[in-house]
C-alpha atoms as a PDB file:
ATOM      1  CA  MET A   1      70.879 137.926 119.955  1.00  0.00           C
ATOM      2  CA  SER A   2      70.107 138.015 116.382  1.00  0.00           C
ATOM      3  CA  GLN A   3      71.977 135.762 113.985  1.00  0.00           C
ATOM      4  CA  LYS A   4      74.337 137.275 111.271  1.00  0.00           C
ATOM      5  CA  PRO A   5      73.337 137.087 107.978  1.00  0.00           C
ATOM      6  CA  ARG A   6      75.070 134.455 105.753  1.00  0.00           C
ATOM      7  CA  LEU A   7      77.339 136.273 103.184  1.00  0.00           C
ATOM      8  CA  THR A   8      78.208 133.034 101.095  1.00  0.00           C
ATOM      9  CA  ARG A   9      77.508 129.607 100.139  1.00  0.00           C
ATOM     10  CA  ARG A  10      79.764 126.984  99.272  1.00  0.00           C
ATOM     11  CA  PHE A  11      78.438 124.143  96.537  1.00  0.00           C
ATOM     12  CA  ARG A  12      80.968 121.735  94.820  1.00  0.00           C
ATOM     13  CA  GLY A  13      84.148 124.045  95.576  1.00  0.00           C
ATOM     14  CA  VAL A  14      82.734 127.366  94.558  1.00  0.00           C
ATOM     15  CA  SER A  15      81.687 130.147  96.827  1.00  0.00           C
ATOM     16  CA  MET A  16      78.235 131.963  95.727  1.00  0.00           C
ATOM     17  CA  PRO A  17      77.702 135.417  97.529  1.00  0.00           C
ATOM     18  CA  THR A  18      74.133 136.306  98.852  1.00  0.00           C
ATOM     19  CA  ALA A  19      72.192 139.256  98.764  1.00  0.00           C
ATOM     20  CA  SER A  20      73.871 140.271 102.492  1.00  0.00           C
ATOM     21  CA  HIS A  21      77.531 139.803 100.839  1.00  0.00           C
ATOM     22  CA  PRO A  22      79.177 143.565 100.981  1.00  0.00           C
ATOM     23  CA  ALA A  23      80.248 143.390  97.459  1.00  0.00           C
ATOM     24  CA  ILE A  24      76.840 142.453  96.174  1.00  0.00           C
ATOM     25  CA  ARG A  25      75.474 144.916  98.246  1.00  0.00           C
ATOM     26  CA  ARG A  26      78.053 147.673  97.100  1.00  0.00           C
ATOM     27  CA  VAL A  27      77.057 146.725  93.349  1.00  0.00           C
ATOM     28  CA  LYS A  28      73.553 147.513  93.719  1.00  0.00           C
ATOM     29  CA  ARG A  29      74.437 150.589  95.367  1.00  0.00           C
ATOM     30  CA  GLU A  30      76.247 151.727  92.591  1.00  0.00           C
ATOM     31  CA  GLY A  31      72.704 151.579  90.903  1.00  0.00           C
ATOM     32  CA  ASN A  32      73.323 147.886  88.961  1.00  0.00           C
ATOM     33  CA  TYR A  33      69.887 146.099  88.515  1.00  0.00           C
ATOM     34  CA  PRO A  34      69.627 143.106  86.109  1.00  0.00           C
ATOM     35  CA  SER A  35      66.190 143.300  84.412  1.00  0.00           C
ATOM     36  CA  ILE A  36      66.058 139.905  82.432  1.00  0.00           C
ATOM     37  CA  HIS A  37      65.692 137.792  85.673  1.00  0.00           C
ATOM     38  CA  GLY A  38      69.691 137.812  86.178  1.00  0.00           C
ATOM     39  CA  ASN A  39      68.833 138.969  89.875  1.00  0.00           C
ATOM     40  CA  LYS A  40      70.153 136.131  91.844  1.00  0.00           C
ATOM     41  CA  LEU A  41      72.149 132.812  91.535  1.00  0.00           C
ATOM     42  CA  TRP A  42      69.373 130.291  90.017  1.00  0.00           C
ATOM     43  CA  LYS A  43      69.230 126.779  91.282  1.00  0.00           C
ATOM     44  CA  SER A  44      69.403 125.263  87.976  1.00  0.00           C
ATOM     45  CA  SER A  45      72.980 126.516  88.582  1.00  0.00           C
ATOM     46  CA  ALA A  46      73.680 124.022  91.296  1.00  0.00           C
ATOM     47  CA  LEU A  47      71.798 120.946  89.190  1.00  0.00           C
ATOM     48  CA  LEU A  48      74.298 122.242  86.374  1.00  0.00           C
ATOM     49  CA  ILE A  49      77.340 122.329  88.429  1.00  0.00           C
ATOM     50  CA  ASP A  50      77.000 118.875  90.662  1.00  0.00           C
ATOM     51  CA  TYR A  51      76.225 117.065  86.834  1.00  0.00           C
ATOM     52  CA  LEU A  52      79.194 118.558  85.384  1.00  0.00           C
ATOM     53  CA  GLU A  53      81.164 117.625  88.710  1.00  0.00           C
ATOM     54  CA  LYS A  54      80.292 113.871  88.722  1.00  0.00           C
ATOM     55  CA  ASN A  55      80.094 113.804  84.813  1.00  0.00           C
ATOM     56  CA  PRO A  56      83.262 116.155  83.636  1.00  0.00           C
ATOM     57  CA  PRO A  57      83.206 116.771  79.684  1.00  0.00           C
ATOM     58  CA  GLU A  58      86.364 115.229  78.059  1.00  0.00           C
ATOM     59  CA  HIS A  59      86.905 118.597  76.013  1.00  0.00           C
ATOM     60  CA  HIS A  60      86.751 121.505  78.253  1.00  0.00           C
ATOM     61  CA  GLY A  61      89.616 124.125  77.027  1.00  0.00           C
ATOM     62  CA  LYS A  62      87.078 127.041  75.925  1.00  0.00           C
ATOM     63  CA  VAL A  63      83.545 127.223  77.416  1.00  0.00           C
ATOM     64  CA  ILE A  64      80.432 129.399  76.587  1.00  0.00           C
ATOM     65  CA  ASP A  65      78.581 130.110  79.329  1.00  0.00           C
ATOM     66  CA  VAL A  66      74.992 131.531  77.686  1.00  0.00           C
ATOM     67  CA  GLY A  67      72.508 133.599  79.519  1.00  0.00           C
ATOM     68  CA  CYS A  68      74.849 133.193  82.337  1.00  0.00           C
ATOM     69  CA  GLY A  69      73.437 135.755  84.943  1.00  0.00           C
ATOM     70  CA  TRP A  70      75.844 135.791  88.176  1.00  0.00           C
ATOM     71  CA  GLY A  71      77.854 133.413  86.200  1.00  0.00           C
ATOM     72  CA  ILE A  72      78.450 130.644  88.503  1.00  0.00           C
ATOM     73  CA  GLY A  73      78.402 127.957  85.987  1.00  0.00           C
ATOM     74  CA  GLY A  74      81.231 129.197  83.765  1.00  0.00           C
ATOM     75  CA  ILE A  75      83.035 130.429  87.006  1.00  0.00           C
ATOM     76  CA  TRP A  76      83.105 126.707  88.438  1.00  0.00           C
ATOM     77  CA  CYS A  77      84.423 125.610  84.863  1.00  0.00           C
ATOM     78  CA  ALA A  78      87.114 128.182  84.879  1.00  0.00           C
ATOM     79  CA  SER A  79      87.947 127.132  88.739  1.00  0.00           C
ATOM     80  CA  LYS A  80      87.718 123.333  88.778  1.00  0.00           C
ATOM     81  CA  LEU A  81      88.330 122.419  84.956  1.00  0.00           C
ATOM     82  CA  GLY A  82      90.822 125.134  84.208  1.00  0.00           C
ATOM     83  CA  SER A  83      88.629 126.394  81.431  1.00  0.00           C
ATOM     84  CA  SER A  84      88.719 129.367  79.714  1.00  0.00           C
ATOM     85  CA  VAL A  85      85.233 131.087  79.767  1.00  0.00           C
ATOM     86  CA  THR A  86      83.027 133.413  77.795  1.00  0.00           C
ATOM     87  CA  SER A  87      80.135 134.861  79.890  1.00  0.00           C
ATOM     88  CA  VAL A  88      77.238 135.566  77.814  1.00  0.00           C
ATOM     89  CA  ASP A  89      74.270 137.282  78.605  1.00  0.00           C
ATOM     90  CA  ALA A  90      71.319 139.727  76.720  1.00  0.00           C
ATOM     91  CA  ASP A  91      71.797 142.220  80.077  1.00  0.00           C
ATOM     92  CA  PRO A  92      74.986 143.955  80.674  1.00  0.00           C
ATOM     93  CA  ASP A  93      73.781 144.641  83.921  1.00  0.00           C
ATOM     94  CA  VAL A  94      74.609 141.386  85.250  1.00  0.00           C
ATOM     95  CA  PHE A  95      78.452 141.704  84.660  1.00  0.00           C
ATOM     96  CA  PRO A  96      79.057 143.640  87.722  1.00  0.00           C
ATOM     97  CA  PHE A  97      77.777 140.968  89.918  1.00  0.00           C
ATOM     98  CA  LEU A  98      79.405 138.265  87.890  1.00  0.00           C
ATOM     99  CA  THR A  99      82.800 140.018  88.067  1.00  0.00           C
ATOM    100  CA  GLU A 100      82.634 139.877  91.896  1.00  0.00           C
ATOM    101  CA  VAL A 101      81.414 136.095  92.125  1.00  0.00           C
ATOM    102  CA  ALA A 102      84.353 135.452  90.019  1.00  0.00           C
ATOM    103  CA  LYS A 103      86.701 137.639  92.205  1.00  0.00           C
ATOM    104  CA  LEU A 104      85.498 135.440  95.476  1.00  0.00           C
ATOM    105  CA  ASN A 105      86.465 132.307  93.326  1.00  0.00           C
ATOM    106  CA  LYS A 106      89.765 133.933  92.058  1.00  0.00           C
ATOM    107  CA  VAL A 107      88.935 133.410  88.647  1.00  0.00           C
ATOM    108  CA  SER A 108      87.892 135.538  85.685  1.00  0.00           C
ATOM    109  CA  THR A 109      85.904 134.830  82.698  1.00  0.00           C
ATOM    110  CA  GLU A 110      85.256 137.080  79.459  1.00  0.00           C
ATOM    111  CA  PRO A 111      82.162 139.266  79.288  1.00  0.00           C
ATOM    112  CA  LEU A 112      80.052 139.503  76.157  1.00  0.00           C
ATOM    113  CA  VAL A 113      76.642 141.224  75.852  1.00  0.00           C
ATOM    114  CA  LYS A 114      74.460 138.875  73.281  1.00  0.00           C
ATOM    115  CA  ARG A 115      71.036 137.661  72.839  1.00  0.00           C
ATOM    116  CA  PHE A 116      70.849 133.645  71.918  1.00  0.00           C
ATOM    117  CA  ASP A 117      69.832 134.874  68.251  1.00  0.00           C
ATOM    118  CA  GLN A 118      73.180 136.908  68.144  1.00  0.00           C
ATOM    119  CA  LEU A 119      75.418 133.788  68.822  1.00  0.00           C
ATOM    120  CA  SER A 120      76.362 132.849  65.124  1.00  0.00           C
ATOM    121  CA  THR A 121      77.656 129.484  63.919  1.00  0.00           C
ATOM    122  CA  LYS A 122      80.991 130.915  63.250  1.00  0.00           C
ATOM    123  CA  MET A 123      81.287 132.242  66.873  1.00  0.00           C
ATOM    124  CA  LEU A 124      80.135 129.301  68.323  1.00  0.00           C
ATOM    125  CA  SER A 125      82.565 127.140  66.622  1.00  0.00           C
ATOM    126  CA  ASP A 126      85.704 128.611  69.197  1.00  0.00           C
ATOM    127  CA  TYR A 127      84.025 126.430  72.028  1.00  0.00           C
ATOM    128  CA  ASP A 128      84.130 123.026  72.967  1.00  0.00           C
ATOM    129  CA  VAL A 129      81.285 123.356  75.525  1.00  0.00           C
ATOM    130  CA  LEU A 130      78.216 125.154  75.817  1.00  0.00           C
ATOM    131  CA  ILE A 131      76.566 125.309  79.213  1.00  0.00           C
ATOM    132  CA  ALA A 132      73.458 127.166  80.108  1.00  0.00           C
ATOM    133  CA  ALA A 133      71.190 126.979  83.414  1.00  0.00           C
ATOM    134  CA  ASP A 134      67.477 128.581  83.801  1.00  0.00           C
ATOM    135  CA  ILE A 135      67.166 130.333  80.084  1.00  0.00           C
ATOM    136  CA  CYS A 136      63.907 128.761  78.802  1.00  0.00           C
ATOM    137  CA  PHE A 137      61.553 130.416  80.890  1.00  0.00           C
ATOM    138  CA  TRP A 138      59.160 132.105  78.614  1.00  0.00           C
ATOM    139  CA  ASP A 139      57.342 130.657  75.495  1.00  0.00           C
ATOM    140  CA  GLU A 140      58.997 133.110  73.280  1.00  0.00           C
ATOM    141  CA  LEU A 141      62.420 131.775  74.086  1.00  0.00           C
ATOM    142  CA  VAL A 142      61.794 128.119  73.158  1.00  0.00           C
ATOM    143  CA  LYS A 143      62.720 128.965  69.122  1.00  0.00           C
ATOM    144  CA  PRO A 144      65.784 131.163  70.134  1.00  0.00           C
ATOM    145  CA  VAL A 145      67.146 128.732  72.509  1.00  0.00           C
ATOM    146  CA  PHE A 146      66.595 125.361  69.909  1.00  0.00           C
ATOM    147  CA  ASN A 147      68.114 127.652  66.893  1.00  0.00           C
ATOM    148  CA  MET A 148      71.079 128.344  69.233  1.00  0.00           C
ATOM    149  CA  VAL A 149      71.571 124.853  69.763  1.00  0.00           C
ATOM    150  CA  ASN A 150      71.410 124.004  66.112  1.00  0.00           C
ATOM    151  CA  ARG A 151      73.872 126.162  65.437  1.00  0.00           C
ATOM    152  CA  ALA A 152      75.867 124.746  68.331  1.00  0.00           C
ATOM    153  CA  VAL A 153      75.709 121.396  66.693  1.00  0.00           C
ATOM    154  CA  LYS A 154      76.301 122.617  63.302  1.00  0.00           C
ATOM    155  CA  ALA A 155      79.381 124.531  64.938  1.00  0.00           C
ATOM    156  CA  GLY A 156      81.017 121.305  66.207  1.00  0.00           C
ATOM    157  CA  VAL A 157      80.560 122.533  70.148  1.00  0.00           C
ATOM    158  CA  LYS A 158      81.626 119.045  71.591  1.00  0.00           C
ATOM    159  CA  HIS A 159      79.428 119.076  74.615  1.00  0.00           C
ATOM    160  CA  ILE A 160      75.963 120.851  75.307  1.00  0.00           C
ATOM    161  CA  TYR A 161      74.248 120.924  78.913  1.00  0.00           C
ATOM    162  CA  ILE A 162      71.169 123.092  79.638  1.00  0.00           C
ATOM    163  CA  ALA A 163      69.596 122.782  82.979  1.00  0.00           C
ATOM    164  CA  ASP A 164      66.122 123.762  83.990  1.00  0.00           C
ATOM    165  CA  PRO A 165      63.684 123.042  86.824  1.00  0.00           C
ATOM    166  CA  GLU A 166      61.530 121.410  84.288  1.00  0.00           C
ATOM    167  CA  ARG A 167      59.383 124.036  82.904  1.00  0.00           C
ATOM    168  CA  SER A 168      57.132 122.925  80.170  1.00  0.00           C
ATOM    169  CA  THR A 169      59.011 125.637  77.675  1.00  0.00           C
ATOM    170  CA  PHE A 170      62.277 124.322  78.898  1.00  0.00           C
ATOM    171  CA  LEU A 171      60.830 120.397  78.265  1.00  0.00           C
ATOM    172  CA  GLU A 172      59.509 121.504  74.682  1.00  0.00           C
ATOM    173  CA  MET A 173      62.602 122.839  73.411  1.00  0.00           C
ATOM    174  CA  ALA A 174      64.446 119.711  74.762  1.00  0.00           C
ATOM    175  CA  GLU A 175      61.947 117.432  73.025  1.00  0.00           C
ATOM    176  CA  ARG A 176      62.714 119.597  69.824  1.00  0.00           C
ATOM    177  CA  CYS A 177      66.498 118.821  70.428  1.00  0.00           C
ATOM    178  CA  ILE A 178      65.880 114.947  71.280  1.00  0.00           C
ATOM    179  CA  ASP A 179      64.010 114.586  68.030  1.00  0.00           C
ATOM    180  CA  LYS A 180      66.765 116.355  65.606  1.00  0.00           C
ATOM    181  CA  HIS A 181      69.946 115.915  67.401  1.00  0.00           C
ATOM    182  CA  CYS A 182      69.353 112.796  69.742  1.00  0.00           C
ATOM    183  CA  ALA A 183      69.763 114.799  72.772  1.00  0.00           C
ATOM    184  CA  ASP A 184      69.196 112.852  76.427  1.00  0.00           C
ATOM    185  CA  LEU A 185      66.986 114.667  78.773  1.00  0.00           C
ATOM    186  CA  ILE A 186      68.536 113.714  82.285  1.00  0.00           C
ATOM    187  CA  GLU A 187      66.876 113.893  85.706  1.00  0.00           C
ATOM    188  CA  TRP A 188      69.022 115.060  88.222  1.00  0.00           C
ATOM    189  CA  LYS A 189      68.970 116.124  91.808  1.00  0.00           C
ATOM    190  CA  ALA A 190      71.550 117.969  93.797  1.00  0.00           C
ATOM    191  CA  ARG A 191      72.003 117.664  97.349  1.00  0.00           C
ATOM    192  CA  GLY A 192      74.075 119.703 100.111  1.00  0.00           C
ATOM    193  CA  SER A 193      74.328 123.462 100.698  1.00  0.00           C
ATOM    194  CA  MET A 194      71.969 124.173  97.722  1.00  0.00           C
ATOM    195  CA  GLU A 195      69.423 121.390  97.148  1.00  0.00           C
ATOM    196  CA  ALA A 196      68.012 121.403  93.661  1.00  0.00           C
ATOM    197  CA  ARG A 197      65.988 119.139  91.285  1.00  0.00           C
ATOM    198  CA  GLY A 198      65.491 119.626  87.557  1.00  0.00           C
ATOM    199  CA  ALA A 199      66.738 118.318  84.490  1.00  0.00           C
ATOM    200  CA  ILE A 200      69.479 118.575  82.163  1.00  0.00           C
ATOM    201  CA  MET A 201      69.568 118.217  78.451  1.00  0.00           C
ATOM    202  CA  VAL A 202      72.679 116.654  77.387  1.00  0.00           C
ATOM    203  CA  ILE A 203      74.193 116.573  73.850  1.00  0.00           C
ATOM    204  CA  GLU A 204      77.084 114.588  73.178  1.00  0.00           C
ATOM    205  CA  ASN A 205      78.693 115.772  70.331  1.00  0.00           C
ATOM    206  CA  ALA A 206      82.044 114.752  69.998  1.00  0.00           C
END
């Protein structure tokens, strides 16, 4: 007798649907196919959530989740920290997936379609926390991500957390932030229903 496919995974108090989940299958049938790698839940989101659970930010009223994909990092902040969350991605096709993940967790976030370079200092000044996972996967993303971090620091964003499995491009961006903003690069490992390892770049700007 064949096993039924797993429909969700629980991790640190939030539910993440698998590709077999009826809601995800329906969204795909409706013709939504993300184009910029926003096609699944990336493991660095688990790193980020695990880190935030163990090190909750002091200020967390308003969170911006950049390059959000299916948005589980921001959804965790909405669910567990009670944050008001803006979920940002350059690809509008990720948002039908994000909506279903949010519904599954009985929260909602505010969707915003923008690239890193379109997030101005003025816009970022509205937020206490900037989170991101797996956003520096190409050489040509190093500079836009670094510049976005610069604007976030200038805007007074109090906590900045970017997680990655330690790609060379991410490490190059992080080194620039270490030099300019005294960022910390923290090795991290998450265990449990989702296992992940990598690093989190942390800037405490409070």
